[in-house]
Amino acid sequence: MKAEFTAIIKKDGDWWIGWIEEVPGANAQEQTREELMESLRAAAQDILAIHRESALRSAEKDFEEVPIAI
């Protein structure tokens, strides 16, 4: 399942900076737009994986994972 998110990006001097609107903490700074987009993608994936692991640990046992579309 792929999810779509919104990257806010801009050129700031010699650097490209950006963040993912829907994923707090997913931000990056790179020298090229392409590098920035890859770093943002990786940051969002890492943060979402951490949140997923935390949620599964919190559920402990006897839980059900149900896909939800919003």
C-alpha atoms as a PDB file:
ATOM      1  CA  MET A   1       0.000   0.000   0.000  1.00  0.00           C
ATOM      2  CA  LYS A   2       1.390   3.372  -0.967  1.00  0.00           C
ATOM      3  CA  ALA A   3       0.463   6.568   0.775  1.00  0.00           C
ATOM      4  CA  GLU A   4       0.767  10.031  -0.637  1.00  0.00           C
ATOM      5  CA  PHE A   5       2.045  12.972   1.388  1.00  0.00           C
ATOM      6  CA  THR A   6       2.729  16.642   0.719  1.00  0.00           C
ATOM      7  CA  ALA A   7       6.301  17.942   0.679  1.00  0.00           C
ATOM      8  CA  ILE A   8       6.769  21.659   1.249  1.00  0.00           C
ATOM      9  CA  ILE A   9      10.063  22.608  -0.410  1.00  0.00           C
ATOM     10  CA  LYS A  10      11.919  25.787  -1.213  1.00  0.00           C
ATOM     11  CA  LYS A  11      15.309  27.073  -2.263  1.00  0.00           C
ATOM     12  CA  ASP A  12      17.018  28.957   0.570  1.00  0.00           C
ATOM     13  CA  GLY A  13      20.297  30.452  -0.584  1.00  0.00           C
ATOM     14  CA  ASP A  14      22.510  27.604  -1.768  1.00  0.00           C
ATOM     15  CA  TRP A  15      20.337  24.956  -0.112  1.00  0.00           C
ATOM     16  CA  TRP A  16      17.001  23.267  -0.694  1.00  0.00           C
ATOM     17  CA  ILE A  17      14.955  22.834   2.483  1.00  0.00           C
ATOM     18  CA  GLY A  18      11.696  21.030   3.040  1.00  0.00           C
ATOM     19  CA  TRP A  19       9.377  19.109   5.272  1.00  0.00           C
ATOM     20  CA  ILE A  20       6.473  16.689   5.001  1.00  0.00           C
ATOM     21  CA  GLU A  21       3.226  18.392   5.995  1.00  0.00           C
ATOM     22  CA  GLU A  22       1.577  15.296   7.432  1.00  0.00           C
ATOM     23  CA  VAL A  23       4.589  13.789   9.241  1.00  0.00           C
ATOM     24  CA  PRO A  24       5.895  15.927  12.102  1.00  0.00           C
ATOM     25  CA  GLY A  25       9.675  15.794  12.288  1.00  0.00           C
ATOM     26  CA  ALA A  26      10.176  14.746   8.666  1.00  0.00           C
ATOM     27  CA  ASN A  27      12.362  17.533   7.364  1.00  0.00           C
ATOM     28  CA  ALA A  28      15.621  17.852   5.474  1.00  0.00           C
ATOM     29  CA  GLN A  29      18.140  20.183   3.899  1.00  0.00           C
ATOM     30  CA  GLU A  30      20.148  19.272   0.805  1.00  0.00           C
ATOM     31  CA  GLN A  31      22.130  20.932  -1.959  1.00  0.00           C
ATOM     32  CA  THR A  32      19.874  19.752  -4.793  1.00  0.00           C
ATOM     33  CA  ARG A  33      16.127  19.376  -5.191  1.00  0.00           C
ATOM     34  CA  GLU A  34      16.522  15.695  -6.076  1.00  0.00           C
ATOM     35  CA  GLU A  35      18.610  14.984  -2.970  1.00  0.00           C
ATOM     36  CA  LEU A  36      16.065  16.842  -0.857  1.00  0.00           C
ATOM     37  CA  MET A  37      13.168  14.784  -2.178  1.00  0.00           C
ATOM     38  CA  GLU A  38      15.026  11.533  -1.468  1.00  0.00           C
ATOM     39  CA  SER A  39      15.962  12.688   2.054  1.00  0.00           C
ATOM     40  CA  LEU A  40      12.363  13.708   2.784  1.00  0.00           C
ATOM     41  CA  ARG A  41      11.116  10.341   1.548  1.00  0.00           C
ATOM     42  CA  ALA A  42      13.611   8.513   3.773  1.00  0.00           C
ATOM     43  CA  ALA A  43      12.831  10.713   6.794  1.00  0.00           C
ATOM     44  CA  ALA A  44       9.088  10.106   6.454  1.00  0.00           C
ATOM     45  CA  GLN A  45       9.601   6.350   6.059  1.00  0.00           C
ATOM     46  CA  ASP A  46      11.830   6.221   9.142  1.00  0.00           C
ATOM     47  CA  ILE A  47       9.435   8.221  11.306  1.00  0.00           C
ATOM     48  CA  LEU A  48       6.414   6.197  10.199  1.00  0.00           C
ATOM     49  CA  ALA A  49       8.289   2.945  10.910  1.00  0.00           C
ATOM     50  CA  ILE A  50       9.132   4.165  14.420  1.00  0.00           C
ATOM     51  CA  HIS A  51       5.476   5.105  15.039  1.00  0.00           C
ATOM     52  CA  ARG A  52       4.324   1.725  13.732  1.00  0.00           C
ATOM     53  CA  GLU A  53       6.734  -0.172  15.996  1.00  0.00           C
ATOM     54  CA  SER A  54       5.603   1.896  18.972  1.00  0.00           C
ATOM     55  CA  ALA A  55       1.927   1.264  18.199  1.00  0.00           C
ATOM     56  CA  LEU A  56       2.492  -2.486  17.909  1.00  0.00           C
ATOM     57  CA  ARG A  57       4.390  -2.570  21.214  1.00  0.00           C
ATOM     58  CA  SER A  58       1.576  -0.611  22.882  1.00  0.00           C
ATOM     59  CA  ALA A  59      -1.054  -3.048  21.599  1.00  0.00           C
ATOM     60  CA  GLU A  60       0.840  -5.941  23.223  1.00  0.00           C
ATOM     61  CA  LYS A  61      -1.309  -8.911  22.122  1.00  0.00           C
ATOM     62  CA  ASP A  62      -4.727  -9.971  20.860  1.00  0.00           C
ATOM     63  CA  PHE A  63      -5.067  -7.087  18.414  1.00  0.00           C
ATOM     64  CA  GLU A  64      -6.143  -6.754  14.827  1.00  0.00           C
ATOM     65  CA  GLU A  65      -4.534  -4.633  12.134  1.00  0.00           C
ATOM     66  CA  VAL A  66      -7.153  -3.166   9.800  1.00  0.00           C
ATOM     67  CA  PRO A  67      -6.292  -1.030   6.752  1.00  0.00           C
ATOM     68  CA  ILE A  68      -8.096   2.302   6.701  1.00  0.00           C
ATOM     69  CA  ALA A  69      -8.341   4.807   3.880  1.00  0.00           C
ATOM     70  CA  ILE A  70      -8.829   8.481   4.621  1.00  0.00           C
END
